[in-house]
């Protein structure tokens, strides 16, 4: 078959009629986008790998700390210490309870003795209830002196035979107090004053 034109002219015309520029630009854009996505992917992979390495270091540190803790912890010693502390706690609680009971008993005893002292003081020289029991003045004085001396109280009389002073001895503290008895103060005042110094 014979051609009207030269083959190279036909090929050149065919090549010229094809518009390849847009396709080349599209390929360049696609290649650029691919490169950008590839760089972005590599960056994120590197960042995630760094996070993994950091977490791995933390894991190793925690495992080492856990290993040291489990080695240093002795369950038997811990249980013994807990048992010792519980025993000590119950012992202290019992001591506190015993002291509270003893304090209450002593308070009751103190109130009873104060009442007895006030009763003896209220009976006076004439004997009060003792007089009703047909005790004479001498027996009353002897009984009062006996009670006073048992409480480490030593009354003193003046020339007229009236009690004007009293010496209070505190054997626990090793001291003594001298009290001058003045009629203007009540017997309850002196009873309370003397009792607080016993």
C-alpha atoms as a PDB file:
ATOM      1  CA  UNK A   1       0.000   0.000   0.000  1.00  0.00           C
ATOM      2  CA  UNK A   2       1.377   3.341  -0.979  1.00  0.00           C
ATOM      3  CA  UNK A   3       1.099   6.359   1.278  1.00  0.00           C
ATOM      4  CA  UNK A   4       0.373   9.802  -0.025  1.00  0.00           C
ATOM      5  CA  UNK A   5       2.782  11.327   2.516  1.00  0.00           C
ATOM      6  CA  UNK A   6       6.054  10.331   4.022  1.00  0.00           C
ATOM      7  CA  UNK A   7       5.735   8.095   7.154  1.00  0.00           C
ATOM      8  CA  UNK A   8       7.753  10.419   9.348  1.00  0.00           C
ATOM      9  CA  UNK A   9       5.448  13.309   8.412  1.00  0.00           C
ATOM     10  CA  UNK A  10       2.418  11.256   9.413  1.00  0.00           C
ATOM     11  CA  UNK A  11       4.023  10.256  12.709  1.00  0.00           C
ATOM     12  CA  UNK A  12       4.982  13.859  13.451  1.00  0.00           C
ATOM     13  CA  UNK A  13       1.466  15.074  12.727  1.00  0.00           C
ATOM     14  CA  UNK A  14      -0.028  12.331  14.900  1.00  0.00           C
ATOM     15  CA  UNK A  15       2.330  13.196  17.777  1.00  0.00           C
ATOM     16  CA  UNK A  16       1.565  16.886  17.438  1.00  0.00           C
ATOM     17  CA  UNK A  17      -2.199  16.269  17.538  1.00  0.00           C
ATOM     18  CA  UNK A  18      -1.894  14.472  20.908  1.00  0.00           C
ATOM     19  CA  UNK A  19      -1.986  17.049  23.840  1.00  0.00           C
ATOM     20  CA  UNK A  20       0.317  15.391  26.391  1.00  0.00           C
ATOM     21  CA  UNK A  21       1.010  18.449  28.593  1.00  0.00           C
ATOM     22  CA  UNK A  22      -2.078  18.068  30.883  1.00  0.00           C
ATOM     23  CA  UNK A  23      -1.329  14.387  31.340  1.00  0.00           C
ATOM     24  CA  UNK A  24       2.271  15.143  32.266  1.00  0.00           C
ATOM     25  CA  UNK A  25       1.150  17.793  34.770  1.00  0.00           C
ATOM     26  CA  UNK A  26      -1.335  15.334  36.289  1.00  0.00           C
ATOM     27  CA  UNK A  27       1.406  12.715  36.615  1.00  0.00           C
ATOM     28  CA  UNK A  28       3.700  15.261  38.281  1.00  0.00           C
ATOM     29  CA  UNK A  29       0.964  16.240  40.742  1.00  0.00           C
ATOM     30  CA  UNK A  30       0.243  12.590  41.498  1.00  0.00           C
ATOM     31  CA  UNK A  31       3.945  11.920  42.044  1.00  0.00           C
ATOM     32  CA  UNK A  32       4.194  14.975  44.357  1.00  0.00           C
ATOM     33  CA  UNK A  33       1.163  13.888  46.376  1.00  0.00           C
ATOM     34  CA  UNK A  34       2.560  10.389  46.674  1.00  0.00           C
ATOM     35  CA  UNK A  35       5.879  11.739  47.920  1.00  0.00           C
ATOM     36  CA  UNK A  36       4.122  14.001  50.457  1.00  0.00           C
ATOM     37  CA  UNK A  37       2.023  11.113  51.743  1.00  0.00           C
ATOM     38  CA  UNK A  38       5.073   8.894  51.909  1.00  0.00           C
ATOM     39  CA  UNK A  39       7.024  11.511  53.917  1.00  0.00           C
ATOM     40  CA  UNK A  40       4.043  12.015  56.251  1.00  0.00           C
ATOM     41  CA  UNK A  41       3.769   8.264  56.780  1.00  0.00           C
ATOM     42  CA  UNK A  42       7.484   7.956  57.527  1.00  0.00           C
ATOM     43  CA  UNK A  43       7.270  10.841  60.032  1.00  0.00           C
ATOM     44  CA  UNK A  44       4.386   9.229  61.900  1.00  0.00           C
ATOM     45  CA  UNK A  45       6.064   5.833  61.858  1.00  0.00           C
ATOM     46  CA  UNK A  46       9.218   7.398  63.349  1.00  0.00           C
ATOM     47  CA  UNK A  47       7.185   9.217  66.034  1.00  0.00           C
ATOM     48  CA  UNK A  48       5.293   6.051  66.979  1.00  0.00           C
ATOM     49  CA  UNK A  49       8.526   4.063  67.115  1.00  0.00           C
ATOM     50  CA  UNK A  50      10.000   6.671  69.488  1.00  0.00           C
ATOM     51  CA  UNK A  51       6.921   6.393  71.704  1.00  0.00           C
ATOM     52  CA  UNK A  52       7.268   2.620  71.708  1.00  0.00           C
ATOM     53  CA  UNK A  53      10.943   2.896  72.720  1.00  0.00           C
ATOM     54  CA  UNK A  54      10.038   5.327  75.556  1.00  0.00           C
ATOM     55  CA  UNK A  55       7.292   3.025  76.799  1.00  0.00           C
ATOM     56  CA  UNK A  56       9.687   0.114  76.608  1.00  0.00           C
ATOM     57  CA  UNK A  57      12.202   2.003  78.783  1.00  0.00           C
ATOM     58  CA  UNK A  58       9.459   2.815  81.327  1.00  0.00           C
ATOM     59  CA  UNK A  59       8.353  -0.803  81.339  1.00  0.00           C
ATOM     60  CA  UNK A  60      11.909  -1.946  82.004  1.00  0.00           C
ATOM     61  CA  UNK A  61      12.266   0.553  84.868  1.00  0.00           C
ATOM     62  CA  UNK A  62       8.968  -0.518  86.431  1.00  0.00           C
ATOM     63  CA  UNK A  63       9.844  -4.185  86.080  1.00  0.00           C
ATOM     64  CA  UNK A  64      13.208  -3.558  87.764  1.00  0.00           C
ATOM     65  CA  UNK A  65      11.545  -1.616  90.604  1.00  0.00           C
ATOM     66  CA  UNK A  66       8.924  -4.326  91.007  1.00  0.00           C
ATOM     67  CA  UNK A  67      11.625  -6.981  91.128  1.00  0.00           C
ATOM     68  CA  UNK A  68      13.556  -5.103  93.825  1.00  0.00           C
ATOM     69  CA  UNK A  69      10.369  -4.531  95.835  1.00  0.00           C
ATOM     70  CA  UNK A  70       9.307  -8.161  95.722  1.00  0.00           C
ATOM     71  CA  UNK A  71      12.811  -9.256  96.711  1.00  0.00           C
ATOM     72  CA  UNK A  72      13.004  -6.870  99.688  1.00  0.00           C
ATOM     73  CA  UNK A  73       9.461  -7.651 100.925  1.00  0.00           C
ATOM     74  CA  UNK A  74       9.264 -10.459 103.451  1.00  0.00           C
ATOM     75  CA  UNK A  75       5.640 -11.538 104.086  1.00  0.00           C
ATOM     76  CA  UNK A  76       6.562 -13.381 107.276  1.00  0.00           C
ATOM     77  CA  UNK A  77       8.252 -10.333 108.820  1.00  0.00           C
ATOM     78  CA  UNK A  78       5.333  -8.118 107.780  1.00  0.00           C
ATOM     79  CA  UNK A  79       2.805 -10.476 109.388  1.00  0.00           C
ATOM     80  CA  UNK A  80       4.844 -10.630 112.593  1.00  0.00           C
ATOM     81  CA  UNK A  81       5.022  -6.828 112.767  1.00  0.00           C
ATOM     82  CA  UNK A  82       1.257  -6.507 112.250  1.00  0.00           C
ATOM     83  CA  UNK A  83       0.652  -9.089 114.992  1.00  0.00           C
ATOM     84  CA  UNK A  84       3.043  -7.272 117.354  1.00  0.00           C
ATOM     85  CA  UNK A  85       1.347  -3.922 116.748  1.00  0.00           C
ATOM     86  CA  UNK A  86      -2.109  -5.439 117.301  1.00  0.00           C
ATOM     87  CA  UNK A  87      -0.945  -7.006 120.574  1.00  0.00           C
ATOM     88  CA  UNK A  88       0.568  -3.706 121.703  1.00  0.00           C
ATOM     89  CA  UNK A  89      -2.634  -1.859 120.773  1.00  0.00           C
ATOM     90  CA  UNK A  90      -4.833  -4.205 122.831  1.00  0.00           C
ATOM     91  CA  UNK A  91      -2.389  -4.010 125.748  1.00  0.00           C
ATOM     92  CA  UNK A  92      -2.500  -0.199 125.752  1.00  0.00           C
ATOM     93  CA  UNK A  93      -6.307  -0.237 125.463  1.00  0.00           C
ATOM     94  CA  UNK A  94      -6.551  -2.554 128.491  1.00  0.00           C
ATOM     95  CA  UNK A  95      -4.207  -0.338 130.514  1.00  0.00           C
ATOM     96  CA  UNK A  96      -6.300   2.728 129.645  1.00  0.00           C
ATOM     97  CA  UNK A  97      -9.483   0.902 130.667  1.00  0.00           C
ATOM     98  CA  UNK A  98      -7.926  -0.209 133.980  1.00  0.00           C
ATOM     99  CA  UNK A  99      -6.746   3.338 134.699  1.00  0.00           C
ATOM    100  CA  UNK A 100     -10.206   4.750 133.996  1.00  0.00           C
ATOM    101  CA  UNK A 101     -11.772   2.228 136.386  1.00  0.00           C
ATOM    102  CA  UNK A 102      -9.177   3.023 139.061  1.00  0.00           C
ATOM    103  CA  UNK A 103      -9.725   6.760 138.568  1.00  0.00           C
ATOM    104  CA  UNK A 104     -13.468   6.325 139.040  1.00  0.00           C
ATOM    105  CA  UNK A 105     -12.922   4.241 142.181  1.00  0.00           C
ATOM    106  CA  UNK A 106     -10.543   6.808 143.668  1.00  0.00           C
ATOM    107  CA  UNK A 107     -12.975   9.633 142.869  1.00  0.00           C
ATOM    108  CA  UNK A 108     -15.739   7.788 144.714  1.00  0.00           C
ATOM    109  CA  UNK A 109     -13.410   7.144 147.648  1.00  0.00           C
ATOM    110  CA  UNK A 110     -12.448  10.821 147.693  1.00  0.00           C
ATOM    111  CA  UNK A 111     -16.095  11.902 147.762  1.00  0.00           C
ATOM    112  CA  UNK A 112     -16.820   9.442 150.568  1.00  0.00           C
ATOM    113  CA  UNK A 113     -13.911  10.667 152.699  1.00  0.00           C
ATOM    114  CA  UNK A 114     -14.872  14.289 152.084  1.00  0.00           C
ATOM    115  CA  UNK A 115     -18.381  13.485 153.240  1.00  0.00           C
ATOM    116  CA  UNK A 116     -17.075  11.816 156.382  1.00  0.00           C
ATOM    117  CA  UNK A 117     -14.828  14.779 157.157  1.00  0.00           C
ATOM    118  CA  UNK A 118     -17.676  17.245 156.637  1.00  0.00           C
ATOM    119  CA  UNK A 119     -19.905  15.137 158.866  1.00  0.00           C
ATOM    120  CA  UNK A 120     -17.301  15.086 161.634  1.00  0.00           C
ATOM    121  CA  UNK A 121     -16.782  18.860 161.299  1.00  0.00           C
ATOM    122  CA  UNK A 122     -20.541  19.473 161.329  1.00  0.00           C
ATOM    123  CA  UNK A 123     -20.913  17.594 164.612  1.00  0.00           C
ATOM    124  CA  UNK A 124     -18.797  20.255 166.319  1.00  0.00           C
ATOM    125  CA  UNK A 125     -17.428  20.248 169.835  1.00  0.00           C
ATOM    126  CA  UNK A 126     -20.844  19.311 171.261  1.00  0.00           C
ATOM    127  CA  UNK A 127     -20.834  16.097 169.335  1.00  0.00           C
ATOM    128  CA  UNK A 128     -23.916  16.524 167.076  1.00  0.00           C
ATOM    129  CA  UNK A 129     -25.022  13.025 166.173  1.00  0.00           C
ATOM    130  CA  UNK A 130     -22.453  11.689 168.608  1.00  0.00           C
ATOM    131  CA  UNK A 131     -24.238  13.503 171.398  1.00  0.00           C
ATOM    132  CA  UNK A 132     -27.432  11.782 170.382  1.00  0.00           C
ATOM    133  CA  UNK A 133     -25.573   8.529 170.742  1.00  0.00           C
ATOM    134  CA  UNK A 134     -24.904   9.494 174.382  1.00  0.00           C
ATOM    135  CA  UNK A 135     -21.188  10.137 173.963  1.00  0.00           C
ATOM    136  CA  UNK A 136     -19.738  12.732 176.259  1.00  0.00           C
ATOM    137  CA  UNK A 137     -17.557  15.637 175.133  1.00  0.00           C
ATOM    138  CA  UNK A 138     -14.306  13.854 175.979  1.00  0.00           C
ATOM    139  CA  UNK A 139     -15.178  10.830 173.884  1.00  0.00           C
ATOM    140  CA  UNK A 140     -16.216  13.131 171.045  1.00  0.00           C
ATOM    141  CA  UNK A 141     -12.910  15.006 171.144  1.00  0.00           C
ATOM    142  CA  UNK A 142     -10.941  11.772 171.262  1.00  0.00           C
ATOM    143  CA  UNK A 143     -12.826  10.412 168.266  1.00  0.00           C
ATOM    144  CA  UNK A 144     -12.297  13.596 166.282  1.00  0.00           C
ATOM    145  CA  UNK A 145      -8.599  13.652 167.166  1.00  0.00           C
ATOM    146  CA  UNK A 146      -8.334  10.019 166.094  1.00  0.00           C
ATOM    147  CA  UNK A 147      -9.894  10.795 162.707  1.00  0.00           C
ATOM    148  CA  UNK A 148      -7.732  13.894 162.232  1.00  0.00           C
ATOM    149  CA  UNK A 149      -4.514  12.092 163.069  1.00  0.00           C
ATOM    150  CA  UNK A 150      -5.377   9.258 160.709  1.00  0.00           C
ATOM    151  CA  UNK A 151      -5.618  11.926 158.023  1.00  0.00           C
ATOM    152  CA  UNK A 152      -2.234  13.393 159.134  1.00  0.00           C
ATOM    153  CA  UNK A 153      -3.963  16.495 160.580  1.00  0.00           C
ATOM    154  CA  UNK A 154      -2.693  17.690 163.988  1.00  0.00           C
ATOM    155  CA  UNK A 155      -4.910  20.363 165.610  1.00  0.00           C
ATOM    156  CA  UNK A 156      -3.429  22.799 168.153  1.00  0.00           C
ATOM    157  CA  UNK A 157      -5.223  24.541 171.019  1.00  0.00           C
ATOM    158  CA  UNK A 158      -4.651  27.940 172.575  1.00  0.00           C
ATOM    159  CA  UNK A 159      -4.445  28.775 176.283  1.00  0.00           C
ATOM    160  CA  UNK A 160      -8.237  28.656 176.582  1.00  0.00           C
ATOM    161  CA  UNK A 161      -8.396  25.177 175.076  1.00  0.00           C
ATOM    162  CA  UNK A 162      -9.879  26.282 171.740  1.00  0.00           C
ATOM    163  CA  UNK A 163      -8.577  24.833 168.480  1.00  0.00           C
ATOM    164  CA  UNK A 164      -6.975  27.731 166.617  1.00  0.00           C
ATOM    165  CA  UNK A 165      -4.411  26.033 164.350  1.00  0.00           C
ATOM    166  CA  UNK A 166      -3.917  22.775 162.500  1.00  0.00           C
ATOM    167  CA  UNK A 167      -0.800  21.281 160.941  1.00  0.00           C
ATOM    168  CA  UNK A 168      -1.406  19.239 157.792  1.00  0.00           C
ATOM    169  CA  UNK A 169       1.256  16.691 156.842  1.00  0.00           C
ATOM    170  CA  UNK A 170       1.380  15.380 153.269  1.00  0.00           C
ATOM    171  CA  UNK A 171       3.401  12.172 153.456  1.00  0.00           C
ATOM    172  CA  UNK A 172       3.414  11.697 149.692  1.00  0.00           C
ATOM    173  CA  UNK A 173       4.887  15.112 148.962  1.00  0.00           C
ATOM    174  CA  UNK A 174       6.893  15.290 152.170  1.00  0.00           C
ATOM    175  CA  UNK A 175       5.655  18.761 153.151  1.00  0.00           C
ATOM    176  CA  UNK A 176       3.463  20.357 155.825  1.00  0.00           C
ATOM    177  CA  UNK A 177       0.958  23.228 155.955  1.00  0.00           C
ATOM    178  CA  UNK A 178      -0.139  25.251 158.993  1.00  0.00           C
ATOM    179  CA  UNK A 179      -3.753  26.474 158.882  1.00  0.00           C
ATOM    180  CA  UNK A 180      -5.047  29.204 161.199  1.00  0.00           C
ATOM    181  CA  UNK A 181      -8.696  28.570 162.083  1.00  0.00           C
ATOM    182  CA  UNK A 182     -10.777  31.728 161.830  1.00  0.00           C
ATOM    183  CA  UNK A 183     -14.459  31.622 162.935  1.00  0.00           C
ATOM    184  CA  UNK A 184     -15.467  33.910 160.056  1.00  0.00           C
ATOM    185  CA  UNK A 185     -14.842  31.087 157.558  1.00  0.00           C
ATOM    186  CA  UNK A 186     -17.243  28.161 157.362  1.00  0.00           C
ATOM    187  CA  UNK A 187     -16.336  24.638 158.344  1.00  0.00           C
ATOM    188  CA  UNK A 188     -17.006  23.537 154.788  1.00  0.00           C
ATOM    189  CA  UNK A 189     -14.359  26.012 153.576  1.00  0.00           C
ATOM    190  CA  UNK A 190     -11.773  24.564 155.960  1.00  0.00           C
ATOM    191  CA  UNK A 191     -12.789  20.993 155.137  1.00  0.00           C
ATOM    192  CA  UNK A 192     -12.275  21.632 151.428  1.00  0.00           C
ATOM    193  CA  UNK A 193      -9.062  23.589 152.021  1.00  0.00           C
ATOM    194  CA  UNK A 194      -7.552  20.880 154.246  1.00  0.00           C
ATOM    195  CA  UNK A 195      -8.649  18.056 151.972  1.00  0.00           C
ATOM    196  CA  UNK A 196      -6.971  19.606 148.933  1.00  0.00           C
ATOM    197  CA  UNK A 197      -3.659  19.620 150.811  1.00  0.00           C
ATOM    198  CA  UNK A 198      -3.719  16.031 151.996  1.00  0.00           C
END
